[in-house]
């Protein structure tokens, strides 16, 4: 059984995945050809306003899900580790499996 502290940490961790915009940003970063994207490219790719993307990237960075590197005058964002892709894929697998059972 998980401890109270672990339950709190997991709750905060999964909260990050509860926002559709953050999930779209994660997906955009997972599919980036160079492995990373700058805010402008993410905004264009998702057709979202740059301030919205910047705010959500800050949340993802603070949660340790994305990392930032400087590229000249731009900051490039990338997924912090392979676990993030696994978590997204497991979630999708669960959704598709659940939908099969309901048909």
PDB file of N, CA and C in Angstrom:
ATOM      1  N   UNK A   1       0.843  -1.178   0.000  1.00  0.00           N
ATOM      2  CA  UNK A   1       0.000   0.000   0.000  1.00  0.00           C
ATOM      3  C   UNK A   1       0.892   1.247   0.000  1.00  0.00           C
ATOM      4  N   UNK A   2       0.432   2.283  -0.707  1.00  0.00           N
ATOM      5  CA  UNK A   2       1.238   3.496  -0.765  1.00  0.00           C
ATOM      6  C   UNK A   2       1.023   4.330   0.505  1.00  0.00           C
ATOM      7  N   UNK A   3       2.041   5.091   0.815  1.00  0.00           N
ATOM      8  CA  UNK A   3       1.973   5.940   1.995  1.00  0.00           C
ATOM      9  C   UNK A   3       1.159   7.202   1.693  1.00  0.00           C
ATOM     10  N   UNK A   4       0.840   7.935   2.728  1.00  0.00           N
ATOM     11  CA  UNK A   4       0.120   9.205   2.561  1.00  0.00           C
ATOM     12  C   UNK A   4       0.941  10.167   1.709  1.00  0.00           C
ATOM     13  N   UNK A   5       2.237  10.238   1.966  1.00  0.00           N
ATOM     14  CA  UNK A   5       3.117  11.114   1.198  1.00  0.00           C
ATOM     15  C   UNK A   5       3.149  10.700  -0.276  1.00  0.00           C
ATOM     16  N   UNK A   6       3.271   9.401  -0.533  1.00  0.00           N
ATOM     17  CA  UNK A   6       3.276   8.921  -1.915  1.00  0.00           C
ATOM     18  C   UNK A   6       1.947   9.228  -2.606  1.00  0.00           C
ATOM     19  N   UNK A   7       0.849   9.070  -1.897  1.00  0.00           N
ATOM     20  CA  UNK A   7      -0.473   9.386  -2.466  1.00  0.00           C
ATOM     21  C   UNK A   7      -0.553  10.858  -2.843  1.00  0.00           C
ATOM     22  N   UNK A   8      -0.042  11.719  -1.987  1.00  0.00           N
ATOM     23  CA  UNK A   8      -0.042  13.157  -2.282  1.00  0.00           C
ATOM     24  C   UNK A   8       0.840  13.489  -3.483  1.00  0.00           C
ATOM     25  N   UNK A   9       2.026  12.886  -3.528  1.00  0.00           N
ATOM     26  CA  UNK A   9       2.931  13.126  -4.653  1.00  0.00           C
ATOM     27  C   UNK A   9       2.332  12.620  -5.967  1.00  0.00           C
ATOM     28  N   UNK A  10       1.752  11.432  -5.944  1.00  0.00           N
ATOM     29  CA  UNK A  10       1.115  10.890  -7.150  1.00  0.00           C
ATOM     30  C   UNK A  10      -0.070  11.739  -7.591  1.00  0.00           C
ATOM     31  N   UNK A  11      -0.833  12.219  -6.629  1.00  0.00           N
ATOM     32  CA  UNK A  11      -1.981  13.064  -6.949  1.00  0.00           C
ATOM     33  C   UNK A  11      -1.522  14.322  -7.676  1.00  0.00           C
ATOM     34  N   UNK A  12      -0.474  14.952  -7.194  1.00  0.00           N
ATOM     35  CA  UNK A  12       0.063  16.157  -7.847  1.00  0.00           C
ATOM     36  C   UNK A  12       0.631  15.825  -9.227  1.00  0.00           C
ATOM     37  N   UNK A  13       1.295  14.669  -9.312  1.00  0.00           N
ATOM     38  CA  UNK A  13       1.874  14.231 -10.580  1.00  0.00           C
ATOM     39  C   UNK A  13       0.781  14.021 -11.632  1.00  0.00           C
ATOM     40  N   UNK A  14      -0.270  13.277 -11.278  1.00  0.00           N
ATOM     41  CA  UNK A  14      -1.336  13.009 -12.236  1.00  0.00           C
ATOM     42  C   UNK A  14      -2.180  14.243 -12.532  1.00  0.00           C
ATOM     43  N   UNK A  15      -2.209  15.184 -11.624  1.00  0.00           N
ATOM     44  CA  UNK A  15      -2.912  16.443 -11.870  1.00  0.00           C
ATOM     45  C   UNK A  15      -2.347  17.135 -13.110  1.00  0.00           C
ATOM     46  N   UNK A  16      -1.047  17.062 -13.304  1.00  0.00           N
ATOM     47  CA  UNK A  16      -0.396  17.685 -14.453  1.00  0.00           C
ATOM     48  C   UNK A  16      -0.988  17.141 -15.752  1.00  0.00           C
ATOM     49  N   UNK A  17      -1.337  15.868 -15.768  1.00  0.00           N
ATOM     50  CA  UNK A  17      -1.879  15.244 -16.974  1.00  0.00           C
ATOM     51  C   UNK A  17      -3.377  15.511 -17.157  1.00  0.00           C
ATOM     52  N   UNK A  18      -3.988  16.234 -16.239  1.00  0.00           N
ATOM     53  CA  UNK A  18      -5.438  16.446 -16.304  1.00  0.00           C
ATOM     54  C   UNK A  18      -5.854  17.597 -17.214  1.00  0.00           C
ATOM     55  N   UNK A  19      -4.906  18.329 -17.750  1.00  0.00           N
ATOM     56  CA  UNK A  19      -5.219  19.482 -18.585  1.00  0.00           C
ATOM     57  C   UNK A  19      -4.999  19.143 -20.068  1.00  0.00           C
ATOM     58  N   UNK A  20      -6.022  19.276 -20.918  1.00  0.00           N
ATOM     59  CA  UNK A  20      -5.868  18.943 -22.338  1.00  0.00           C
ATOM     60  C   UNK A  20      -4.773  19.737 -23.048  1.00  0.00           C
ATOM     61  N   UNK A  21      -4.596  20.994 -22.690  1.00  0.00           N
ATOM     62  CA  UNK A  21      -3.543  21.790 -23.328  1.00  0.00           C
ATOM     63  C   UNK A  21      -2.171  21.230 -22.993  1.00  0.00           C
ATOM     64  N   UNK A  22      -1.968  20.866 -21.735  1.00  0.00           N
ATOM     65  CA  UNK A  22      -0.672  20.287 -21.353  1.00  0.00           C
ATOM     66  C   UNK A  22      -0.442  18.963 -22.078  1.00  0.00           C
ATOM     67  N   UNK A  23      -1.492  18.164 -22.228  1.00  0.00           N
ATOM     68  CA  UNK A  23      -1.349  16.896 -22.952  1.00  0.00           C
ATOM     69  C   UNK A  23      -1.001  17.138 -24.419  1.00  0.00           C
ATOM     70  N   UNK A  24      -1.586  18.151 -25.029  1.00  0.00           N
ATOM     71  CA  UNK A  24      -1.260  18.486 -26.419  1.00  0.00           C
ATOM     72  C   UNK A  24       0.194  18.941 -26.538  1.00  0.00           C
ATOM     73  N   UNK A  25       0.650  19.725 -25.577  1.00  0.00           N
ATOM     74  CA  UNK A  25       2.046  20.180 -25.590  1.00  0.00           C
ATOM     75  C   UNK A  25       2.986  18.993 -25.435  1.00  0.00           C
ATOM     76  N   UNK A  26       2.684  18.100 -24.522  1.00  0.00           N
ATOM     77  CA  UNK A  26       3.502  16.894 -24.353  1.00  0.00           C
ATOM     78  C   UNK A  26       3.550  16.120 -25.657  1.00  0.00           C
ATOM     79  N   UNK A  27       2.400  15.941 -26.295  1.00  0.00           N
ATOM     80  CA  UNK A  27       2.346  15.226 -27.571  1.00  0.00           C
ATOM     81  C   UNK A  27       3.176  15.930 -28.640  1.00  0.00           C
ATOM     82  N   UNK A  28       3.083  17.251 -28.698  1.00  0.00           N
ATOM     83  CA  UNK A  28       3.868  18.019 -29.675  1.00  0.00           C
ATOM     84  C   UNK A  28       5.364  17.833 -29.447  1.00  0.00           C
ATOM     85  N   UNK A  29       5.763  17.762 -28.196  1.00  0.00           N
ATOM     86  CA  UNK A  29       7.185  17.561 -27.897  1.00  0.00           C
ATOM     87  C   UNK A  29       7.611  16.132 -28.193  1.00  0.00           C
ATOM     88  N   UNK A  30       6.742  15.170 -27.937  1.00  0.00           N
ATOM     89  CA  UNK A  30       7.063  13.769 -28.218  1.00  0.00           C
ATOM     90  C   UNK A  30       7.224  13.521 -29.715  1.00  0.00           C
ATOM     91  N   UNK A  31       6.534  14.295 -30.541  1.00  0.00           N
ATOM     92  CA  UNK A  31       6.589  14.087 -31.988  1.00  0.00           C
ATOM     93  C   UNK A  31       7.541  15.045 -32.704  1.00  0.00           C
ATOM     94  N   UNK A  32       8.254  15.861 -31.955  1.00  0.00           N
ATOM     95  CA  UNK A  32       9.184  16.821 -32.564  1.00  0.00           C
ATOM     96  C   UNK A  32      10.325  16.082 -33.249  1.00  0.00           C
ATOM     97  N   UNK A  33      10.570  16.415 -34.503  1.00  0.00           N
ATOM     98  CA  UNK A  33      11.624  15.748 -35.264  1.00  0.00           C
ATOM     99  C   UNK A  33      13.002  15.935 -34.632  1.00  0.00           C
ATOM    100  N   UNK A  34      13.278  17.135 -34.153  1.00  0.00           N
ATOM    101  CA  UNK A  34      14.579  17.410 -33.537  1.00  0.00           C
ATOM    102  C   UNK A  34      14.622  16.971 -32.076  1.00  0.00           C
ATOM    103  N   UNK A  35      13.494  16.511 -31.550  1.00  0.00           N
ATOM    104  CA  UNK A  35      13.432  16.124 -30.150  1.00  0.00           C
ATOM    105  C   UNK A  35      13.063  17.266 -29.224  1.00  0.00           C
ATOM    106  N   UNK A  36      12.988  18.480 -29.784  1.00  0.00           N
ATOM    107  CA  UNK A  36      12.608  19.640 -28.976  1.00  0.00           C
ATOM    108  C   UNK A  36      11.969  20.686 -29.882  1.00  0.00           C
ATOM    109  N   UNK A  37      11.292  21.619 -29.250  1.00  0.00           N
ATOM    110  CA  UNK A  37      10.657  22.718 -29.989  1.00  0.00           C
ATOM    111  C   UNK A  37      10.736  23.982 -29.142  1.00  0.00           C
ATOM    112  N   UNK A  38      10.768  25.142 -29.806  1.00  0.00           N
ATOM    113  CA  UNK A  38      10.678  26.413 -29.087  1.00  0.00           C
ATOM    114  C   UNK A  38       9.203  26.775 -28.920  1.00  0.00           C
ATOM    115  N   UNK A  39       8.931  27.726 -28.059  1.00  0.00           N
ATOM    116  CA  UNK A  39       7.554  28.120 -27.750  1.00  0.00           C
ATOM    117  C   UNK A  39       6.803  28.519 -29.019  1.00  0.00           C
ATOM    118  N   UNK A  40       7.445  29.289 -29.880  1.00  0.00           N
ATOM    119  CA  UNK A  40       6.778  29.739 -31.103  1.00  0.00           C
ATOM    120  C   UNK A  40       6.336  28.564 -31.965  1.00  0.00           C
ATOM    121  N   UNK A  41       7.194  27.580 -32.107  1.00  0.00           N
ATOM    122  CA  UNK A  41       6.864  26.419 -32.940  1.00  0.00           C
ATOM    123  C   UNK A  41       5.751  25.583 -32.309  1.00  0.00           C
ATOM    124  N   UNK A  42       5.780  25.457 -30.991  1.00  0.00           N
ATOM    125  CA  UNK A  42       4.705  24.734 -30.312  1.00  0.00           C
ATOM    126  C   UNK A  42       3.386  25.477 -30.513  1.00  0.00           C
ATOM    127  N   UNK A  43       3.418  26.793 -30.355  1.00  0.00           N
ATOM    128  CA  UNK A  43       2.217  27.621 -30.541  1.00  0.00           C
ATOM    129  C   UNK A  43       1.646  27.461 -31.947  1.00  0.00           C
ATOM    130  N   UNK A  44       2.515  27.536 -32.946  1.00  0.00           N
ATOM    131  CA  UNK A  44       2.082  27.370 -34.334  1.00  0.00           C
ATOM    132  C   UNK A  44       1.529  25.971 -34.574  1.00  0.00           C
ATOM    133  N   UNK A  45       2.253  24.968 -34.110  1.00  0.00           N
ATOM    134  CA  UNK A  45       1.871  23.575 -34.325  1.00  0.00           C
ATOM    135  C   UNK A  45       0.497  23.274 -33.734  1.00  0.00           C
ATOM    136  N   UNK A  46       0.222  23.830 -32.566  1.00  0.00           N
ATOM    137  CA  UNK A  46      -1.036  23.549 -31.867  1.00  0.00           C
ATOM    138  C   UNK A  46      -2.099  24.626 -32.091  1.00  0.00           C
ATOM    139  N   UNK A  47      -1.750  25.652 -32.833  1.00  0.00           N
ATOM    140  CA  UNK A  47      -2.616  26.829 -33.043  1.00  0.00           C
ATOM    141  C   UNK A  47      -3.158  27.367 -31.709  1.00  0.00           C
ATOM    142  N   UNK A  48      -2.238  27.591 -30.798  1.00  0.00           N
ATOM    143  CA  UNK A  48      -2.539  28.180 -29.495  1.00  0.00           C
ATOM    144  C   UNK A  48      -1.750  29.465 -29.345  1.00  0.00           C
ATOM    145  N   UNK A  49      -2.246  30.372 -28.549  1.00  0.00           N
ATOM    146  CA  UNK A  49      -1.520  31.624 -28.287  1.00  0.00           C
ATOM    147  C   UNK A  49      -0.249  31.330 -27.495  1.00  0.00           C
ATOM    148  N   UNK A  50       0.793  32.073 -27.799  1.00  0.00           N
ATOM    149  CA  UNK A  50       2.086  31.863 -27.147  1.00  0.00           C
ATOM    150  C   UNK A  50       2.020  32.000 -25.620  1.00  0.00           C
ATOM    151  N   UNK A  51       1.311  32.992 -25.061  1.00  0.00           N
ATOM    152  CA  UNK A  51       1.257  33.087 -23.594  1.00  0.00           C
ATOM    153  C   UNK A  51       0.636  31.836 -22.942  1.00  0.00           C
ATOM    154  N   UNK A  52      -0.341  31.256 -23.612  1.00  0.00           N
ATOM    155  CA  UNK A  52      -0.971  30.032 -23.088  1.00  0.00           C
ATOM    156  C   UNK A  52       0.049  28.905 -23.057  1.00  0.00           C
ATOM    157  N   UNK A  53       0.771  28.741 -24.149  1.00  0.00           N
ATOM    158  CA  UNK A  53       1.785  27.688 -24.236  1.00  0.00           C
ATOM    159  C   UNK A  53       2.885  27.930 -23.206  1.00  0.00           C
ATOM    160  N   UNK A  54       3.341  29.160 -23.089  1.00  0.00           N
ATOM    161  CA  UNK A  54       4.404  29.482 -22.124  1.00  0.00           C
ATOM    162  C   UNK A  54       3.985  29.153 -20.697  1.00  0.00           C
ATOM    163  N   UNK A  55       2.762  29.500 -20.353  1.00  0.00           N
ATOM    164  CA  UNK A  55       2.274  29.222 -18.999  1.00  0.00           C
ATOM    165  C   UNK A  55       2.229  27.718 -18.725  1.00  0.00           C
ATOM    166  N   UNK A  56       1.743  26.956 -19.685  1.00  0.00           N
ATOM    167  CA  UNK A  56       1.653  25.507 -19.494  1.00  0.00           C
ATOM    168  C   UNK A  56       3.032  24.852 -19.498  1.00  0.00           C
ATOM    169  N   UNK A  57       3.942  25.371 -20.304  1.00  0.00           N
ATOM    170  CA  UNK A  57       5.319  24.848 -20.298  1.00  0.00           C
ATOM    171  C   UNK A  57       5.986  25.075 -18.946  1.00  0.00           C
ATOM    172  N   UNK A  58       5.704  26.216 -18.322  1.00  0.00           N
ATOM    173  CA  UNK A  58       6.265  26.474 -16.995  1.00  0.00           C
ATOM    174  C   UNK A  58       5.781  25.423 -16.001  1.00  0.00           C
ATOM    175  N   UNK A  59       4.495  25.101 -16.059  1.00  0.00           N
ATOM    176  CA  UNK A  59       3.940  24.080 -15.167  1.00  0.00           C
ATOM    177  C   UNK A  59       4.593  22.729 -15.438  1.00  0.00           C
ATOM    178  N   UNK A  60       4.739  22.380 -16.711  1.00  0.00           N
ATOM    179  CA  UNK A  60       5.377  21.103 -17.072  1.00  0.00           C
ATOM    180  C   UNK A  60       6.843  21.071 -16.641  1.00  0.00           C
ATOM    181  N   UNK A  61       7.525  22.197 -16.782  1.00  0.00           N
ATOM    182  CA  UNK A  61       8.934  22.277 -16.362  1.00  0.00           C
ATOM    183  C   UNK A  61       9.051  22.159 -14.844  1.00  0.00           C
ATOM    184  N   UNK A  62       8.208  22.877 -14.116  1.00  0.00           N
ATOM    185  CA  UNK A  62       8.242  22.816 -12.651  1.00  0.00           C
ATOM    186  C   UNK A  62       7.939  21.414 -12.131  1.00  0.00           C
ATOM    187  N   UNK A  63       7.138  20.662 -12.885  1.00  0.00           N
ATOM    188  CA  UNK A  63       6.793  19.288 -12.490  1.00  0.00           C
ATOM    189  C   UNK A  63       7.862  18.289 -12.922  1.00  0.00           C
ATOM    190  N   UNK A  64       8.866  18.754 -13.658  1.00  0.00           N
ATOM    191  CA  UNK A  64       9.943  17.870 -14.088  1.00  0.00           C
ATOM    192  C   UNK A  64       9.609  17.032 -15.314  1.00  0.00           C
ATOM    193  N   UNK A  65       8.559  17.415 -16.044  1.00  0.00           N
ATOM    194  CA  UNK A  65       8.173  16.650 -17.224  1.00  0.00           C
ATOM    195  C   UNK A  65       8.857  17.127 -18.494  1.00  0.00           C
ATOM    196  N   UNK A  66       9.253  18.391 -18.520  1.00  0.00           N
ATOM    197  CA  UNK A  66      10.005  18.906 -19.660  1.00  0.00           C
ATOM    198  C   UNK A  66      11.292  19.563 -19.161  1.00  0.00           C
ATOM    199  N   UNK A  67      12.263  19.599 -20.062  1.00  0.00           N
ATOM    200  CA  UNK A  67      13.528  20.280 -19.760  1.00  0.00           C
ATOM    201  C   UNK A  67      13.717  21.384 -20.784  1.00  0.00           C
ATOM    202  N   UNK A  68      14.512  22.360 -20.423  1.00  0.00           N
ATOM    203  CA  UNK A  68      14.716  23.544 -21.258  1.00  0.00           C
ATOM    204  C   UNK A  68      16.196  23.698 -21.547  1.00  0.00           C
ATOM    205  N   UNK A  69      16.509  24.008 -22.803  1.00  0.00           N
ATOM    206  CA  UNK A  69      17.882  24.352 -23.182  1.00  0.00           C
ATOM    207  C   UNK A  69      17.841  25.647 -23.975  1.00  0.00           C
ATOM    208  N   UNK A  70      18.911  26.395 -23.874  1.00  0.00           N
ATOM    209  CA  UNK A  70      18.995  27.659 -24.608  1.00  0.00           C
ATOM    210  C   UNK A  70      19.661  27.398 -25.951  1.00  0.00           C
ATOM    211  N   UNK A  71      19.060  27.957 -27.008  1.00  0.00           N
ATOM    212  CA  UNK A  71      19.579  27.826 -28.368  1.00  0.00           C
ATOM    213  C   UNK A  71      19.646  29.232 -28.951  1.00  0.00           C
ATOM    214  N   UNK A  72      20.771  29.913 -28.713  1.00  0.00           N
ATOM    215  CA  UNK A  72      20.891  31.309 -29.137  1.00  0.00           C
ATOM    216  C   UNK A  72      19.953  32.170 -28.311  1.00  0.00           C
ATOM    217  N   UNK A  73      19.030  32.849 -28.990  1.00  0.00           N
ATOM    218  CA  UNK A  73      18.088  33.698 -28.274  1.00  0.00           C
ATOM    219  C   UNK A  73      16.784  32.966 -27.931  1.00  0.00           C
ATOM    220  N   UNK A  74      16.680  31.688 -28.312  1.00  0.00           N
ATOM    221  CA  UNK A  74      15.468  30.910 -28.065  1.00  0.00           C
ATOM    222  C   UNK A  74      15.689  29.867 -26.982  1.00  0.00           C
ATOM    223  N   UNK A  75      14.604  29.490 -26.339  1.00  0.00           N
ATOM    224  CA  UNK A  75      14.611  28.372 -25.404  1.00  0.00           C
ATOM    225  C   UNK A  75      13.890  27.217 -26.068  1.00  0.00           C
ATOM    226  N   UNK A  76      14.511  26.057 -26.023  1.00  0.00           N
ATOM    227  CA  UNK A  76      13.921  24.869 -26.625  1.00  0.00           C
ATOM    228  C   UNK A  76      13.460  23.931 -25.512  1.00  0.00           C
ATOM    229  N   UNK A  77      12.288  23.380 -25.692  1.00  0.00           N
ATOM    230  CA  UNK A  77      11.675  22.502 -24.699  1.00  0.00           C
ATOM    231  C   UNK A  77      11.643  21.082 -25.243  1.00  0.00           C
ATOM    232  N   UNK A  78      11.931  20.139 -24.360  1.00  0.00           N
ATOM    233  CA  UNK A  78      11.918  18.718 -24.724  1.00  0.00           C
ATOM    234  C   UNK A  78      11.379  17.918 -23.549  1.00  0.00           C
ATOM    235  N   UNK A  79      10.911  16.718 -23.836  1.00  0.00           N
ATOM    236  CA  UNK A  79      10.446  15.816 -22.790  1.00  0.00           C
ATOM    237  C   UNK A  79      11.641  15.438 -21.917  1.00  0.00           C
ATOM    238  N   UNK A  80      11.443  15.439 -20.618  1.00  0.00           N
ATOM    239  CA  UNK A  80      12.541  15.232 -19.679  1.00  0.00           C
ATOM    240  C   UNK A  80      13.083  13.801 -19.696  1.00  0.00           C
ATOM    241  N   UNK A  81      12.207  12.810 -19.841  1.00  0.00           N
ATOM    242  CA  UNK A  81      12.677  11.421 -19.892  1.00  0.00           C
ATOM    243  C   UNK A  81      11.654  10.526 -20.575  1.00  0.00           C
ATOM    244  N   UNK A  82      12.071   9.294 -20.869  1.00  0.00           N
ATOM    245  CA  UNK A  82      11.224   8.359 -21.621  1.00  0.00           C
ATOM    246  C   UNK A  82       9.983   7.908 -20.866  1.00  0.00           C
ATOM    247  N   UNK A  83       9.967   8.075 -19.565  1.00  0.00           N
ATOM    248  CA  UNK A  83       8.796   7.653 -18.789  1.00  0.00           C
ATOM    249  C   UNK A  83       7.534   8.404 -19.218  1.00  0.00           C
ATOM    250  N   UNK A  84       7.692   9.632 -19.644  1.00  0.00           N
ATOM    251  CA  UNK A  84       6.540  10.452 -20.014  1.00  0.00           C
ATOM    252  C   UNK A  84       5.818   9.830 -21.213  1.00  0.00           C
ATOM    253  N   UNK A  85       6.573   9.424 -22.214  1.00  0.00           N
ATOM    254  CA  UNK A  85       5.967   8.763 -23.382  1.00  0.00           C
ATOM    255  C   UNK A  85       5.267   7.478 -22.959  1.00  0.00           C
ATOM    256  N   UNK A  86       5.881   6.730 -22.049  1.00  0.00           N
ATOM    257  CA  UNK A  86       5.272   5.483 -21.559  1.00  0.00           C
ATOM    258  C   UNK A  86       3.949   5.759 -20.850  1.00  0.00           C
ATOM    259  N   UNK A  87       3.925   6.793 -20.029  1.00  0.00           N
ATOM    260  CA  UNK A  87       2.708   7.133 -19.281  1.00  0.00           C
ATOM    261  C   UNK A  87       1.580   7.494 -20.246  1.00  0.00           C
ATOM    262  N   UNK A  88       1.890   8.298 -21.253  1.00  0.00           N
ATOM    263  CA  UNK A  88       0.881   8.674 -22.255  1.00  0.00           C
ATOM    264  C   UNK A  88       0.385   7.439 -22.992  1.00  0.00           C
ATOM    265  N   UNK A  89       1.304   6.577 -23.409  1.00  0.00           N
ATOM    266  CA  UNK A  89       0.908   5.380 -24.156  1.00  0.00           C
ATOM    267  C   UNK A  89       0.072   4.434 -23.305  1.00  0.00           C
ATOM    268  N   UNK A  90       0.433   4.249 -22.054  1.00  0.00           N
ATOM    269  CA  UNK A  90      -0.348   3.380 -21.164  1.00  0.00           C
ATOM    270  C   UNK A  90      -1.752   3.954 -20.980  1.00  0.00           C
ATOM    271  N   UNK A  91      -1.853   5.264 -20.824  1.00  0.00           N
ATOM    272  CA  UNK A  91      -3.164   5.897 -20.699  1.00  0.00           C
ATOM    273  C   UNK A  91      -4.008   5.676 -21.947  1.00  0.00           C
ATOM    274  N   UNK A  92      -3.407   5.855 -23.124  1.00  0.00           N
ATOM    275  CA  UNK A  92      -4.136   5.632 -24.375  1.00  0.00           C
ATOM    276  C   UNK A  92      -4.555   4.169 -24.517  1.00  0.00           C
ATOM    277  N   UNK A  93      -3.650   3.257 -24.189  1.00  0.00           N
ATOM    278  CA  UNK A  93      -3.976   1.820 -24.245  1.00  0.00           C
ATOM    279  C   UNK A  93      -5.168   1.507 -23.353  1.00  0.00           C
ATOM    280  N   UNK A  94      -5.183   2.084 -22.172  1.00  0.00           N
ATOM    281  CA  UNK A  94      -6.287   1.858 -21.241  1.00  0.00           C
ATOM    282  C   UNK A  94      -7.607   2.386 -21.810  1.00  0.00           C
ATOM    283  N   UNK A  95      -7.566   3.578 -22.387  1.00  0.00           N
ATOM    284  CA  UNK A  95      -8.775   4.173 -22.965  1.00  0.00           C
ATOM    285  C   UNK A  95      -9.310   3.308 -24.101  1.00  0.00           C
ATOM    286  N   UNK A  96      -8.422   2.888 -24.996  1.00  0.00           N
ATOM    287  CA  UNK A  96      -8.859   2.076 -26.134  1.00  0.00           C
ATOM    288  C   UNK A  96      -9.368   0.714 -25.685  1.00  0.00           C
ATOM    289  N   UNK A  97      -8.719   0.121 -24.708  1.00  0.00           N
ATOM    290  CA  UNK A  97      -9.171  -1.175 -24.185  1.00  0.00           C
ATOM    291  C   UNK A  97     -10.542  -1.034 -23.519  1.00  0.00           C
ATOM    292  N   UNK A  98     -10.722   0.020 -22.747  1.00  0.00           N
ATOM    293  CA  UNK A  98     -12.005   0.257 -22.085  1.00  0.00           C
ATOM    294  C   UNK A  98     -13.113   0.450 -23.112  1.00  0.00           C
ATOM    295  N   UNK A  99     -12.812   1.195 -24.184  1.00  0.00           N
ATOM    296  CA  UNK A  99     -13.806   1.441 -25.219  1.00  0.00           C
ATOM    297  C   UNK A  99     -14.183   0.156 -25.956  1.00  0.00           C
ATOM    298  N   UNK A 100     -13.248  -0.756 -26.140  1.00  0.00           N
ATOM    299  CA  UNK A 100     -13.535  -2.047 -26.786  1.00  0.00           C
ATOM    300  C   UNK A 100     -14.518  -2.850 -25.940  1.00  0.00           C
ATOM    301  N   UNK A 101     -14.332  -2.811 -24.619  1.00  0.00           N
ATOM    302  CA  UNK A 101     -15.177  -3.576 -23.708  1.00  0.00           C
ATOM    303  C   UNK A 101     -16.596  -3.038 -23.669  1.00  0.00           C
ATOM    304  N   UNK A 102     -16.765  -1.734 -23.925  1.00  0.00           N
ATOM    305  CA  UNK A 102     -18.089  -1.123 -23.845  1.00  0.00           C
ATOM    306  C   UNK A 102     -18.912  -1.346 -25.105  1.00  0.00           C
ATOM    307  N   UNK A 103     -18.282  -1.756 -26.204  1.00  0.00           N
ATOM    308  CA  UNK A 103     -19.003  -1.938 -27.473  1.00  0.00           C
ATOM    309  C   UNK A 103     -19.806  -3.201 -27.478  1.00  0.00           C
TER     310      UNK A 103
END
